């Protein structure tokens, strides 16, 4: 559970840094997400999640 909370905290750190350093680019990315088809977003989310699982599996072995 501690690892999960640490991972979630790191996600917040990274996302917060992106919004702080590149606010206009993040706004454009959010605008693009709003006009994308839900299926495309779902597919991208599943690919990102699967990639994350594989990376954790490789790193934590």
PDB file of N, CA and C in Angstrom:
ATOM      1  N   UNK A   1       0.825  -1.189   0.000  1.00  0.00           N
ATOM      2  CA  UNK A   1       0.000   0.000   0.000  1.00  0.00           C
ATOM      3  C   UNK A   1       0.873   1.257   0.000  1.00  0.00           C
ATOM      4  N   UNK A   2       1.974   1.176   0.699  1.00  0.00           N
ATOM      5  CA  UNK A   2       2.878   2.318   0.771  1.00  0.00           C
ATOM      6  C   UNK A   2       3.449   2.645  -0.612  1.00  0.00           C
ATOM      7  N   UNK A   3       3.784   1.620  -1.396  1.00  0.00           N
ATOM      8  CA  UNK A   3       4.302   1.835  -2.748  1.00  0.00           C
ATOM      9  C   UNK A   3       3.250   2.492  -3.633  1.00  0.00           C
ATOM     10  N   UNK A   4       2.001   2.072  -3.500  1.00  0.00           N
ATOM     11  CA  UNK A   4       0.926   2.655  -4.294  1.00  0.00           C
ATOM     12  C   UNK A   4       0.766   4.142  -3.975  1.00  0.00           C
ATOM     13  N   UNK A   5       0.762   4.474  -2.710  1.00  0.00           N
ATOM     14  CA  UNK A   5       0.631   5.881  -2.314  1.00  0.00           C
ATOM     15  C   UNK A   5       1.823   6.708  -2.779  1.00  0.00           C
ATOM     16  N   UNK A   6       2.996   6.125  -2.731  1.00  0.00           N
ATOM     17  CA  UNK A   6       4.188   6.816  -3.228  1.00  0.00           C
ATOM     18  C   UNK A   6       4.074   7.054  -4.725  1.00  0.00           C
ATOM     19  N   UNK A   7       3.611   6.059  -5.455  1.00  0.00           N
ATOM     20  CA  UNK A   7       3.446   6.197  -6.902  1.00  0.00           C
ATOM     21  C   UNK A   7       2.421   7.282  -7.227  1.00  0.00           C
ATOM     22  N   UNK A   8       1.314   7.313  -6.506  1.00  0.00           N
ATOM     23  CA  UNK A   8       0.301   8.341  -6.739  1.00  0.00           C
ATOM     24  C   UNK A   8       0.842   9.735  -6.427  1.00  0.00           C
ATOM     25  N   UNK A   9       1.631   9.838  -5.368  1.00  0.00           N
ATOM     26  CA  UNK A   9       2.238  11.123  -5.030  1.00  0.00           C
ATOM     27  C   UNK A   9       3.198  11.576  -6.126  1.00  0.00           C
ATOM     28  N   UNK A  10       3.956  10.649  -6.684  1.00  0.00           N
ATOM     29  CA  UNK A  10       4.875  11.001  -7.768  1.00  0.00           C
ATOM     30  C   UNK A  10       4.125  11.436  -9.020  1.00  0.00           C
ATOM     31  N   UNK A  11       2.981  10.822  -9.290  1.00  0.00           N
ATOM     32  CA  UNK A  11       2.153  11.257 -10.414  1.00  0.00           C
ATOM     33  C   UNK A  11       1.728  12.711 -10.212  1.00  0.00           C
ATOM     34  N   UNK A  12       1.329  13.055  -8.996  1.00  0.00           N
ATOM     35  CA  UNK A  12       0.946  14.432  -8.701  1.00  0.00           C
ATOM     36  C   UNK A  12       2.122  15.393  -8.869  1.00  0.00           C
ATOM     37  N   UNK A  13       3.296  14.977  -8.443  1.00  0.00           N
ATOM     38  CA  UNK A  13       4.488  15.811  -8.600  1.00  0.00           C
ATOM     39  C   UNK A  13       4.763  16.060 -10.076  1.00  0.00           C
ATOM     40  N   UNK A  14       4.767  15.003 -10.867  1.00  0.00           N
ATOM     41  CA  UNK A  14       5.073  15.139 -12.293  1.00  0.00           C
ATOM     42  C   UNK A  14       4.009  15.975 -12.997  1.00  0.00           C
ATOM     43  N   UNK A  15       2.750  15.696 -12.743  1.00  0.00           N
ATOM     44  CA  UNK A  15       1.700  16.458 -13.400  1.00  0.00           C
ATOM     45  C   UNK A  15       1.715  17.915 -12.950  1.00  0.00           C
ATOM     46  N   UNK A  16       1.951  18.145 -11.693  1.00  0.00           N
ATOM     47  CA  UNK A  16       2.039  19.520 -11.204  1.00  0.00           C
ATOM     48  C   UNK A  16       3.185  20.283 -11.850  1.00  0.00           C
ATOM     49  N   UNK A  17       4.310  19.603 -12.022  1.00  0.00           N
ATOM     50  CA  UNK A  17       5.451  20.242 -12.679  1.00  0.00           C
ATOM     51  C   UNK A  17       5.118  20.590 -14.127  1.00  0.00           C
ATOM     52  N   UNK A  18       4.447  19.687 -14.826  1.00  0.00           N
ATOM     53  CA  UNK A  18       4.067  19.950 -16.216  1.00  0.00           C
ATOM     54  C   UNK A  18       3.155  21.173 -16.311  1.00  0.00           C
ATOM     55  N   UNK A  19       2.158  21.258 -15.421  1.00  0.00           N
ATOM     56  CA  UNK A  19       1.250  22.410 -15.435  1.00  0.00           C
ATOM     57  C   UNK A  19       1.990  23.691 -15.063  1.00  0.00           C
ATOM     58  N   UNK A  20       2.934  23.616 -14.136  1.00  0.00           N
ATOM     59  CA  UNK A  20       3.676  24.810 -13.726  1.00  0.00           C
ATOM     60  C   UNK A  20       4.655  25.268 -14.797  1.00  0.00           C
ATOM     61  N   UNK A  21       5.311  24.336 -15.467  1.00  0.00           N
ATOM     62  CA  UNK A  21       6.343  24.694 -16.446  1.00  0.00           C
ATOM     63  C   UNK A  21       5.774  24.982 -17.836  1.00  0.00           C
ATOM     64  N   UNK A  22       4.705  24.296 -18.210  1.00  0.00           N
ATOM     65  CA  UNK A  22       4.163  24.412 -19.563  1.00  0.00           C
ATOM     66  C   UNK A  22       2.642  24.596 -19.548  1.00  0.00           C
ATOM     67  N   UNK A  23       2.146  25.661 -18.941  1.00  0.00           N
ATOM     68  CA  UNK A  23       0.684  25.802 -18.819  1.00  0.00           C
ATOM     69  C   UNK A  23      -0.038  25.893 -20.158  1.00  0.00           C
ATOM     70  N   UNK A  24       0.521  26.596 -21.114  1.00  0.00           N
ATOM     71  CA  UNK A  24      -0.154  26.732 -22.412  1.00  0.00           C
ATOM     72  C   UNK A  24      -0.202  25.403 -23.159  1.00  0.00           C
ATOM     73  N   UNK A  25       0.885  24.660 -23.127  1.00  0.00           N
ATOM     74  CA  UNK A  25       0.898  23.355 -23.783  1.00  0.00           C
ATOM     75  C   UNK A  25      -0.090  22.399 -23.111  1.00  0.00           C
ATOM     76  N   UNK A  26      -0.195  22.467 -21.805  1.00  0.00           N
ATOM     77  CA  UNK A  26      -1.141  21.597 -21.095  1.00  0.00           C
ATOM     78  C   UNK A  26      -2.584  21.979 -21.428  1.00  0.00           C
ATOM     79  N   UNK A  27      -2.845  23.288 -21.575  1.00  0.00           N
ATOM     80  CA  UNK A  27      -4.182  23.723 -21.978  1.00  0.00           C
ATOM     81  C   UNK A  27      -4.523  23.189 -23.367  1.00  0.00           C
ATOM     82  N   UNK A  28      -3.552  23.284 -24.288  1.00  0.00           N
ATOM     83  CA  UNK A  28      -3.787  22.772 -25.641  1.00  0.00           C
ATOM     84  C   UNK A  28      -4.040  21.266 -25.617  1.00  0.00           C
ATOM     85  N   UNK A  29      -3.287  20.545 -24.795  1.00  0.00           N
ATOM     86  CA  UNK A  29      -3.482  19.094 -24.691  1.00  0.00           C
ATOM     87  C   UNK A  29      -4.875  18.775 -24.139  1.00  0.00           C
ATOM     88  N   UNK A  30      -5.324  19.541 -23.154  1.00  0.00           N
ATOM     89  CA  UNK A  30      -6.660  19.326 -22.585  1.00  0.00           C
ATOM     90  C   UNK A  30      -7.734  19.641 -23.621  1.00  0.00           C
ATOM     91  N   UNK A  31      -7.528  20.699 -24.411  1.00  0.00           N
ATOM     92  CA  UNK A  31      -8.484  21.031 -25.471  1.00  0.00           C
ATOM     93  C   UNK A  31      -8.564  19.917 -26.507  1.00  0.00           C
ATOM     94  N   UNK A  32      -7.413  19.355 -26.869  1.00  0.00           N
ATOM     95  CA  UNK A  32      -7.410  18.254 -27.843  1.00  0.00           C
ATOM     96  C   UNK A  32      -8.137  17.037 -27.278  1.00  0.00           C
ATOM     97  N   UNK A  33      -7.963  16.787 -25.995  1.00  0.00           N
ATOM     98  CA  UNK A  33      -8.631  15.639 -25.373  1.00  0.00           C
ATOM     99  C   UNK A  33     -10.149  15.820 -25.391  1.00  0.00           C
ATOM    100  N   UNK A  34     -10.608  17.064 -25.254  1.00  0.00           N
ATOM    101  CA  UNK A  34     -12.048  17.316 -25.250  1.00  0.00           C
ATOM    102  C   UNK A  34     -12.696  16.995 -26.591  1.00  0.00           C
ATOM    103  N   UNK A  35     -11.974  17.169 -27.676  1.00  0.00           N
ATOM    104  CA  UNK A  35     -12.573  16.924 -28.988  1.00  0.00           C
ATOM    105  C   UNK A  35     -12.307  15.507 -29.501  1.00  0.00           C
ATOM    106  N   UNK A  36     -11.506  14.745 -28.786  1.00  0.00           N
ATOM    107  CA  UNK A  36     -11.233  13.366 -29.202  1.00  0.00           C
ATOM    108  C   UNK A  36     -12.419  12.465 -28.898  1.00  0.00           C
ATOM    109  N   UNK A  37     -12.548  11.442 -29.689  1.00  0.00           N
ATOM    110  CA  UNK A  37     -13.571  10.430 -29.479  1.00  0.00           C
ATOM    111  C   UNK A  37     -13.282   9.673 -28.183  1.00  0.00           C
ATOM    112  N   UNK A  38     -14.320   9.305 -27.468  1.00  0.00           N
ATOM    113  CA  UNK A  38     -14.148   8.577 -26.205  1.00  0.00           C
ATOM    114  C   UNK A  38     -13.396   7.264 -26.409  1.00  0.00           C
ATOM    115  N   UNK A  39     -13.623   6.615 -27.517  1.00  0.00           N
ATOM    116  CA  UNK A  39     -12.928   5.364 -27.803  1.00  0.00           C
ATOM    117  C   UNK A  39     -11.426   5.566 -27.933  1.00  0.00           C
ATOM    118  N   UNK A  40     -11.044   6.661 -28.575  1.00  0.00           N
ATOM    119  CA  UNK A  40      -9.613   6.964 -28.714  1.00  0.00           C
ATOM    120  C   UNK A  40      -8.981   7.222 -27.349  1.00  0.00           C
ATOM    121  N   UNK A  41      -9.674   7.982 -26.514  1.00  0.00           N
ATOM    122  CA  UNK A  41      -9.153   8.264 -25.177  1.00  0.00           C
ATOM    123  C   UNK A  41      -9.048   6.982 -24.350  1.00  0.00           C
ATOM    124  N   UNK A  42     -10.069   6.138 -24.472  1.00  0.00           N
ATOM    125  CA  UNK A  42     -10.064   4.874 -23.731  1.00  0.00           C
ATOM    126  C   UNK A  42      -8.894   3.997 -24.175  1.00  0.00           C
ATOM    127  N   UNK A  43      -8.680   3.925 -25.494  1.00  0.00           N
ATOM    128  CA  UNK A  43      -7.574   3.133 -26.025  1.00  0.00           C
ATOM    129  C   UNK A  43      -6.226   3.678 -25.544  1.00  0.00           C
ATOM    130  N   UNK A  44      -6.057   4.998 -25.607  1.00  0.00           N
ATOM    131  CA  UNK A  44      -4.807   5.616 -25.148  1.00  0.00           C
ATOM    132  C   UNK A  44      -4.589   5.348 -23.659  1.00  0.00           C
ATOM    133  N   UNK A  45      -5.659   5.411 -22.885  1.00  0.00           N
ATOM    134  CA  UNK A  45      -5.548   5.126 -21.455  1.00  0.00           C
ATOM    135  C   UNK A  45      -5.152   3.695 -21.175  1.00  0.00           C
ATOM    136  N   UNK A  46      -5.737   2.772 -21.932  1.00  0.00           N
ATOM    137  CA  UNK A  46      -5.395   1.360 -21.751  1.00  0.00           C
ATOM    138  C   UNK A  46      -3.948   1.080 -22.155  1.00  0.00           C
ATOM    139  N   UNK A  47      -3.502   1.706 -23.238  1.00  0.00           N
ATOM    140  CA  UNK A  47      -2.107   1.533 -23.662  1.00  0.00           C
ATOM    141  C   UNK A  47      -1.160   2.097 -22.600  1.00  0.00           C
ATOM    142  N   UNK A  48      -1.486   3.274 -22.065  1.00  0.00           N
ATOM    143  CA  UNK A  48      -0.643   3.873 -21.026  1.00  0.00           C
ATOM    144  C   UNK A  48      -0.608   2.993 -19.774  1.00  0.00           C
ATOM    145  N   UNK A  49      -1.772   2.479 -19.374  1.00  0.00           N
ATOM    146  CA  UNK A  49      -1.828   1.621 -18.190  1.00  0.00           C
ATOM    147  C   UNK A  49      -1.036   0.333 -18.402  1.00  0.00           C
ATOM    148  N   UNK A  50      -1.189  -0.279 -19.571  1.00  0.00           N
ATOM    149  CA  UNK A  50      -0.457  -1.517 -19.861  1.00  0.00           C
ATOM    150  C   UNK A  50       1.046  -1.264 -19.890  1.00  0.00           C
ATOM    151  N   UNK A  51       1.441  -0.142 -20.482  1.00  0.00           N
ATOM    152  CA  UNK A  51       2.861   0.211 -20.510  1.00  0.00           C
ATOM    153  C   UNK A  51       3.390   0.399 -19.089  1.00  0.00           C
ATOM    154  N   UNK A  52       2.610   1.051 -18.249  1.00  0.00           N
ATOM    155  CA  UNK A  52       3.011   1.240 -16.858  1.00  0.00           C
ATOM    156  C   UNK A  52       3.161  -0.073 -16.116  1.00  0.00           C
ATOM    157  N   UNK A  53       2.220  -0.990 -16.336  1.00  0.00           N
ATOM    158  CA  UNK A  53       2.303  -2.307 -15.686  1.00  0.00           C
ATOM    159  C   UNK A  53       3.570  -3.041 -16.131  1.00  0.00           C
ATOM    160  N   UNK A  54       3.850  -3.005 -17.419  1.00  0.00           N
ATOM    161  CA  UNK A  54       5.062  -3.681 -17.930  1.00  0.00           C
ATOM    162  C   UNK A  54       6.319  -3.040 -17.338  1.00  0.00           C
ATOM    163  N   UNK A  55       6.352  -1.718 -17.274  1.00  0.00           N
ATOM    164  CA  UNK A  55       7.520  -1.045 -16.701  1.00  0.00           C
ATOM    165  C   UNK A  55       7.723  -1.399 -15.226  1.00  0.00           C
ATOM    166  N   UNK A  56       6.644  -1.398 -14.475  1.00  0.00           N
ATOM    167  CA  UNK A  56       6.750  -1.778 -13.052  1.00  0.00           C
ATOM    168  C   UNK A  56       7.232  -3.216 -12.931  1.00  0.00           C
ATOM    169  N   UNK A  57       6.696  -4.099 -13.758  1.00  0.00           N
ATOM    170  CA  UNK A  57       7.096  -5.501 -13.732  1.00  0.00           C
ATOM    171  C   UNK A  57       8.580  -5.647 -14.047  1.00  0.00           C
ATOM    172  N   UNK A  58       9.072  -4.905 -15.060  1.00  0.00           N
ATOM    173  CA  UNK A  58      10.488  -4.963 -15.420  1.00  0.00           C
ATOM    174  C   UNK A  58      11.380  -4.381 -14.327  1.00  0.00           C
ATOM    175  N   UNK A  59      10.955  -3.276 -13.745  1.00  0.00           N
ATOM    176  CA  UNK A  59      11.768  -2.595 -12.736  1.00  0.00           C
ATOM    177  C   UNK A  59      11.782  -3.371 -11.417  1.00  0.00           C
ATOM    178  N   UNK A  60      10.602  -3.797 -10.989  1.00  0.00           N
ATOM    179  CA  UNK A  60      10.484  -4.460  -9.679  1.00  0.00           C
ATOM    180  C   UNK A  60      10.787  -5.955  -9.760  1.00  0.00           C
ATOM    181  N   UNK A  61      10.716  -6.494 -10.995  1.00  0.00           N
ATOM    182  CA  UNK A  61      11.039  -7.888 -11.266  1.00  0.00           C
ATOM    183  C   UNK A  61      10.482  -8.802 -10.293  1.00  0.00           C
TER     184      UNK A  61
END
